[in-house]
Structure formats: structure tokens, C-alpha cells
Amino acid sequence: TDAARWEAYRLAERAPACVGAVTPAA
């Protein structure tokens, strides 16, 4: 479960919308 959650977090972090965001956001 922990590994799956970590992978989902990393995918969200590397998503094009997240990487290409103009202003920092959480």
C-alpha cells in the first residue's frame, strides 16, 4: 500500500500540469 501511494504521489508530482505550473501551488 505504501509503495502504491508513493508511486501515485510521484506521478502527480511529475504530471505535465504540475511541472508546467506558472506559479507555485500546493
PDB file of all heavy atoms in Angstrom:
ATOM      1  N   THR A   1       0.840  -1.207   0.000  1.00  0.00           N
ATOM      2  CA  THR A   1       0.000   0.000   0.000  1.00  0.00           C
ATOM      3  C   THR A   1       0.869   1.250   0.000  1.00  0.00           C
ATOM      4  O   THR A   1       0.613   2.198  -0.737  1.00  0.00           O
ATOM      5  CB  THR A   1      -0.937  -0.005   1.227  1.00  0.00           C
ATOM      6  OG1 THR A   1      -1.772  -1.152   1.152  1.00  0.00           O
ATOM      7  CG2 THR A   1      -1.781   1.243   1.285  1.00  0.00           C
ATOM      8  N   ASP A   2       1.914   1.257   0.847  1.00  0.00           N
ATOM      9  CA  ASP A   2       2.815   2.402   0.906  1.00  0.00           C
ATOM     10  C   ASP A   2       3.506   2.643  -0.430  1.00  0.00           C
ATOM     11  O   ASP A   2       3.632   3.785  -0.877  1.00  0.00           O
ATOM     12  CB  ASP A   2       3.867   2.198   2.001  1.00  0.00           C
ATOM     13  CG  ASP A   2       3.276   2.208   3.396  1.00  0.00           C
ATOM     14  OD1 ASP A   2       2.132   2.685   3.563  1.00  0.00           O
ATOM     15  OD2 ASP A   2       3.957   1.729   4.332  1.00  0.00           O
ATOM     16  N   ALA A   3       3.947   1.567  -1.078  1.00  0.00           N
ATOM     17  CA  ALA A   3       4.613   1.711  -2.378  1.00  0.00           C
ATOM     18  C   ALA A   3       3.652   2.255  -3.430  1.00  0.00           C
ATOM     19  O   ALA A   3       4.032   3.117  -4.245  1.00  0.00           O
ATOM     20  CB  ALA A   3       5.183   0.364  -2.823  1.00  0.00           C
ATOM     21  N   ALA A   4       2.412   1.795  -3.422  1.00  0.00           N
ATOM     22  CA  ALA A   4       1.423   2.289  -4.384  1.00  0.00           C
ATOM     23  C   ALA A   4       1.120   3.771  -4.134  1.00  0.00           C
ATOM     24  O   ALA A   4       0.995   4.557  -5.086  1.00  0.00           O
ATOM     25  CB  ALA A   4       0.146   1.467  -4.300  1.00  0.00           C
ATOM     26  N   ARG A   5       1.012   4.144  -2.868  1.00  0.00           N
ATOM     27  CA  ARG A   5       0.765   5.557  -2.556  1.00  0.00           C
ATOM     28  C   ARG A   5       1.939   6.429  -2.984  1.00  0.00           C
ATOM     29  O   ARG A   5       1.758   7.525  -3.521  1.00  0.00           O
ATOM     30  CB  ARG A   5       0.518   5.728  -1.050  1.00  0.00           C
ATOM     31  CG  ARG A   5      -0.836   5.242  -0.603  1.00  0.00           C
ATOM     32  CD  ARG A   5      -1.003   5.417   0.880  1.00  0.00           C
ATOM     33  NE  ARG A   5      -2.367   5.122   1.305  1.00  0.00           N
ATOM     34  CZ  ARG A   5      -2.806   5.289   2.530  1.00  0.00           C
ATOM     35  NH1 ARG A   5      -1.994   5.737   3.469  1.00  0.00           N
ATOM     36  NH2 ARG A   5      -4.057   5.011   2.830  1.00  0.00           N
ATOM     37  N   TRP A   6       3.159   5.966  -2.737  1.00  0.00           N
ATOM     38  CA  TRP A   6       4.337   6.739  -3.121  1.00  0.00           C
ATOM     39  C   TRP A   6       4.400   6.898  -4.638  1.00  0.00           C
ATOM     40  O   TRP A   6       4.695   7.976  -5.142  1.00  0.00           O
ATOM     41  CB  TRP A   6       5.601   6.058  -2.597  1.00  0.00           C
ATOM     42  CG  TRP A   6       6.850   6.761  -3.012  1.00  0.00           C
ATOM     43  CD1 TRP A   6       7.796   6.311  -3.874  1.00  0.00           C
ATOM     44  CD2 TRP A   6       7.286   8.060  -2.602  1.00  0.00           C
ATOM     45  NE1 TRP A   6       8.787   7.242  -4.026  1.00  0.00           N
ATOM     46  CE2 TRP A   6       8.498   8.324  -3.255  1.00  0.00           C
ATOM     47  CE3 TRP A   6       6.754   9.023  -1.750  1.00  0.00           C
ATOM     48  CZ2 TRP A   6       9.195   9.506  -3.074  1.00  0.00           C
ATOM     49  CZ3 TRP A   6       7.453  10.207  -1.572  1.00  0.00           C
ATOM     50  CH2 TRP A   6       8.653  10.436  -2.229  1.00  0.00           C
ATOM     51  N   GLU A   7       4.089   5.851  -5.374  1.00  0.00           N
ATOM     52  CA  GLU A   7       4.096   5.925  -6.835  1.00  0.00           C
ATOM     53  C   GLU A   7       3.033   6.899  -7.336  1.00  0.00           C
ATOM     54  O   GLU A   7       3.286   7.688  -8.253  1.00  0.00           O
ATOM     55  CB  GLU A   7       3.885   4.531  -7.433  1.00  0.00           C
ATOM     56  CG  GLU A   7       4.014   4.492  -8.931  1.00  0.00           C
ATOM     57  CD  GLU A   7       5.387   4.906  -9.436  1.00  0.00           C
ATOM     58  OE1 GLU A   7       6.384   4.688  -8.732  1.00  0.00           O
ATOM     59  OE2 GLU A   7       5.449   5.460 -10.547  1.00  0.00           O
ATOM     60  N   ALA A   8       1.843   6.865  -6.742  1.00  0.00           N
ATOM     61  CA  ALA A   8       0.786   7.807  -7.143  1.00  0.00           C
ATOM     62  C   ALA A   8       1.204   9.251  -6.842  1.00  0.00           C
ATOM     63  O   ALA A   8       0.943  10.166  -7.634  1.00  0.00           O
ATOM     64  CB  ALA A   8      -0.517   7.472  -6.419  1.00  0.00           C
ATOM     65  N   TYR A   9       1.865   9.461  -5.724  1.00  0.00           N
ATOM     66  CA  TYR A   9       2.347  10.808  -5.381  1.00  0.00           C
ATOM     67  C   TYR A   9       3.387  11.269  -6.398  1.00  0.00           C
ATOM     68  O   TYR A   9       3.350  12.408  -6.869  1.00  0.00           O
ATOM     69  CB  TYR A   9       2.944  10.810  -3.965  1.00  0.00           C
ATOM     70  CG  TYR A   9       3.525  12.132  -3.571  1.00  0.00           C
ATOM     71  CD1 TYR A   9       2.707  13.132  -3.059  1.00  0.00           C
ATOM     72  CD2 TYR A   9       4.878  12.403  -3.722  1.00  0.00           C
ATOM     73  CE1 TYR A   9       3.232  14.371  -2.709  1.00  0.00           C
ATOM     74  CE2 TYR A   9       5.412  13.623  -3.378  1.00  0.00           C
ATOM     75  CZ  TYR A   9       4.597  14.605  -2.873  1.00  0.00           C
ATOM     76  OH  TYR A   9       5.116  15.823  -2.536  1.00  0.00           O
ATOM     77  N   ARG A  10       4.340  10.393  -6.724  1.00  0.00           N
ATOM     78  CA  ARG A  10       5.374  10.758  -7.689  1.00  0.00           C
ATOM     79  C   ARG A  10       4.778  11.041  -9.073  1.00  0.00           C
ATOM     80  O   ARG A  10       5.231  11.943  -9.774  1.00  0.00           O
ATOM     81  CB  ARG A  10       6.419   9.650  -7.792  1.00  0.00           C
ATOM     82  CG  ARG A  10       7.221   9.434  -6.528  1.00  0.00           C
ATOM     83  CD  ARG A  10       8.101  10.583  -6.173  1.00  0.00           C
ATOM     84  NE  ARG A  10       9.161  10.672  -7.171  1.00  0.00           N
ATOM     85  CZ  ARG A  10       9.864  11.766  -7.412  1.00  0.00           C
ATOM     86  NH1 ARG A  10       9.619  12.860  -6.736  1.00  0.00           N
ATOM     87  NH2 ARG A  10      10.787  11.775  -8.329  1.00  0.00           N
ATOM     88  N   LEU A  11       3.750  10.266  -9.483  1.00  0.00           N
ATOM     89  CA  LEU A  11       3.094  10.524 -10.767  1.00  0.00           C
ATOM     90  C   LEU A  11       2.396  11.875 -10.759  1.00  0.00           C
ATOM     91  O   LEU A  11       2.454  12.622 -11.743  1.00  0.00           O
ATOM     92  CB  LEU A  11       2.088   9.416 -11.087  1.00  0.00           C
ATOM     93  CG  LEU A  11       2.681   8.078 -11.517  1.00  0.00           C
ATOM     94  CD1 LEU A  11       1.586   7.036 -11.644  1.00  0.00           C
ATOM     95  CD2 LEU A  11       3.435   8.236 -12.829  1.00  0.00           C
ATOM     96  N   ALA A  12       1.744  12.222  -9.658  1.00  0.00           N
ATOM     97  CA  ALA A  12       1.085  13.527  -9.556  1.00  0.00           C
ATOM     98  C   ALA A  12       2.113  14.652  -9.580  1.00  0.00           C
ATOM     99  O   ALA A  12       1.888  15.711 -10.175  1.00  0.00           O
ATOM    100  CB  ALA A  12       0.253  13.601  -8.276  1.00  0.00           C
ATOM    101  N   GLU A  13       3.247  14.423  -8.970  1.00  0.00           N
ATOM    102  CA  GLU A  13       4.308  15.432  -8.926  1.00  0.00           C
ATOM    103  C   GLU A  13       4.933  15.646 -10.300  1.00  0.00           C
ATOM    104  O   GLU A  13       5.346  16.759 -10.637  1.00  0.00           O
ATOM    105  CB  GLU A  13       5.371  14.955  -7.934  1.00  0.00           C
ATOM    106  CG  GLU A  13       6.420  15.976  -7.590  1.00  0.00           C
ATOM    107  CD  GLU A  13       7.380  15.434  -6.554  1.00  0.00           C
ATOM    108  OE1 GLU A  13       7.908  14.320  -6.732  1.00  0.00           O
ATOM    109  OE2 GLU A  13       7.609  16.137  -5.571  1.00  0.00           O
ATOM    110  N   ARG A  14       4.985  14.586 -11.121  1.00  0.00           N
ATOM    111  CA  ARG A  14       5.589  14.690 -12.458  1.00  0.00           C
ATOM    112  C   ARG A  14       4.571  14.940 -13.557  1.00  0.00           C
ATOM    113  O   ARG A  14       4.928  14.958 -14.735  1.00  0.00           O
ATOM    114  CB  ARG A  14       6.357  13.405 -12.763  1.00  0.00           C
ATOM    115  CG  ARG A  14       7.593  13.215 -11.902  1.00  0.00           C
ATOM    116  CD  ARG A  14       8.439  12.059 -12.371  1.00  0.00           C
ATOM    117  NE  ARG A  14       7.671  10.826 -12.569  1.00  0.00           N
ATOM    118  CZ  ARG A  14       7.739   9.757 -11.781  1.00  0.00           C
ATOM    119  NH1 ARG A  14       8.526   9.766 -10.749  1.00  0.00           N
ATOM    120  NH2 ARG A  14       7.006   8.692 -12.042  1.00  0.00           N
ATOM    121  N   ALA A  15       3.311  15.123 -13.198  1.00  0.00           N
ATOM    122  CA  ALA A  15       2.280  15.376 -14.208  1.00  0.00           C
ATOM    123  C   ALA A  15       2.593  16.682 -14.943  1.00  0.00           C
ATOM    124  O   ALA A  15       3.088  17.642 -14.346  1.00  0.00           O
ATOM    125  CB  ALA A  15       0.911  15.451 -13.543  1.00  0.00           C
ATOM    126  N   PRO A  16       2.313  16.746 -16.252  1.00  0.00           N
ATOM    127  CA  PRO A  16       2.621  17.957 -17.025  1.00  0.00           C
ATOM    128  C   PRO A  16       1.972  19.220 -16.452  1.00  0.00           C
ATOM    129  O   PRO A  16       2.590  20.292 -16.444  1.00  0.00           O
ATOM    130  CB  PRO A  16       2.076  17.640 -18.420  1.00  0.00           C
ATOM    131  CG  PRO A  16       2.066  16.157 -18.504  1.00  0.00           C
ATOM    132  CD  PRO A  16       1.796  15.676 -17.106  1.00  0.00           C
ATOM    133  N   ALA A  17       0.753  19.120 -15.952  1.00  0.00           N
ATOM    134  CA  ALA A  17       0.090  20.301 -15.388  1.00  0.00           C
ATOM    135  C   ALA A  17       0.820  20.790 -14.139  1.00  0.00           C
ATOM    136  O   ALA A  17       0.878  22.004 -13.878  1.00  0.00           O
ATOM    137  CB  ALA A  17      -1.360  19.975 -15.053  1.00  0.00           C
ATOM    138  N   CYS A  18       1.388  19.869 -13.377  1.00  0.00           N
ATOM    139  CA  CYS A  18       2.090  20.258 -12.159  1.00  0.00           C
ATOM    140  C   CYS A  18       3.473  20.820 -12.482  1.00  0.00           C
ATOM    141  O   CYS A  18       3.876  21.840 -11.930  1.00  0.00           O
ATOM    142  CB  CYS A  18       2.214  19.045 -11.223  1.00  0.00           C
ATOM    143  SG  CYS A  18       2.863  19.438  -9.599  1.00  0.00           S
ATOM    144  N   VAL A  19       4.173  20.153 -13.369  1.00  0.00           N
ATOM    145  CA  VAL A  19       5.522  20.604 -13.724  1.00  0.00           C
ATOM    146  C   VAL A  19       5.472  21.944 -14.447  1.00  0.00           C
ATOM    147  O   VAL A  19       6.299  22.829 -14.210  1.00  0.00           O
ATOM    148  CB  VAL A  19       6.224  19.545 -14.604  1.00  0.00           C
ATOM    149  CG1 VAL A  19       7.546  20.067 -15.137  1.00  0.00           C
ATOM    150  CG2 VAL A  19       6.439  18.274 -13.814  1.00  0.00           C
ATOM    151  N   GLY A  20       4.471  22.133 -15.324  1.00  0.00           N
ATOM    152  CA  GLY A  20       4.393  23.355 -16.108  1.00  0.00           C
ATOM    153  C   GLY A  20       3.637  24.490 -15.440  1.00  0.00           C
ATOM    154  O   GLY A  20       3.369  25.507 -16.083  1.00  0.00           O
ATOM    155  N   ALA A  21       3.294  24.357 -14.176  1.00  0.00           N
ATOM    156  CA  ALA A  21       2.553  25.424 -13.495  1.00  0.00           C
ATOM    157  C   ALA A  21       3.401  26.687 -13.444  1.00  0.00           C
ATOM    158  O   ALA A  21       4.590  26.645 -13.158  1.00  0.00           O
ATOM    159  CB  ALA A  21       2.169  24.988 -12.089  1.00  0.00           C
ATOM    160  N   VAL A  22       2.764  27.814 -13.751  1.00  0.00           N
ATOM    161  CA  VAL A  22       3.471  29.091 -13.799  1.00  0.00           C
ATOM    162  C   VAL A  22       3.774  29.593 -12.393  1.00  0.00           C
ATOM    163  O   VAL A  22       4.877  30.080 -12.120  1.00  0.00           O
ATOM    164  CB  VAL A  22       2.633  30.135 -14.579  1.00  0.00           C
ATOM    165  CG1 VAL A  22       3.336  31.474 -14.597  1.00  0.00           C
ATOM    166  CG2 VAL A  22       2.377  29.640 -15.999  1.00  0.00           C
ATOM    167  N   THR A  23       2.821  29.466 -11.521  1.00  0.00           N
ATOM    168  CA  THR A  23       3.034  29.926 -10.138  1.00  0.00           C
ATOM    169  C   THR A  23       3.081  28.714  -9.211  1.00  0.00           C
ATOM    170  O   THR A  23       2.390  27.717  -9.423  1.00  0.00           O
ATOM    171  CB  THR A  23       1.894  30.849  -9.684  1.00  0.00           C
ATOM    172  OG1 THR A  23       0.664  30.144  -9.790  1.00  0.00           O
ATOM    173  CG2 THR A  23       1.839  32.091 -10.546  1.00  0.00           C
ATOM    174  N   PRO A  24       3.886  28.783  -8.175  1.00  0.00           N
ATOM    175  CA  PRO A  24       3.937  27.673  -7.218  1.00  0.00           C
ATOM    176  C   PRO A  24       2.584  27.471  -6.530  1.00  0.00           C
ATOM    177  O   PRO A  24       1.888  28.434  -6.204  1.00  0.00           O
ATOM    178  CB  PRO A  24       4.986  28.117  -6.199  1.00  0.00           C
ATOM    179  CG  PRO A  24       5.783  29.168  -6.897  1.00  0.00           C
ATOM    180  CD  PRO A  24       4.857  29.826  -7.862  1.00  0.00           C
ATOM    181  N   ALA A  25       2.221  26.245  -6.347  1.00  0.00           N
ATOM    182  CA  ALA A  25       0.946  25.929  -5.699  1.00  0.00           C
ATOM    183  C   ALA A  25       1.064  24.584  -5.002  1.00  0.00           C
ATOM    184  O   ALA A  25       1.895  23.747  -5.356  1.00  0.00           O
ATOM    185  CB  ALA A  25      -0.179  25.885  -6.725  1.00  0.00           C
ATOM    186  N   ALA A  26       0.216  24.399  -4.027  1.00  0.00           N
ATOM    187  CA  ALA A  26       0.133  23.114  -3.330  1.00  0.00           C
ATOM    188  C   ALA A  26      -1.221  22.493  -3.671  1.00  0.00           C
ATOM    189  O   ALA A  26      -2.264  23.042  -3.345  1.00  0.00           O
ATOM    190  CB  ALA A  26       0.272  23.306  -1.833  1.00  0.00           C
TER     191      ALA A  26
END
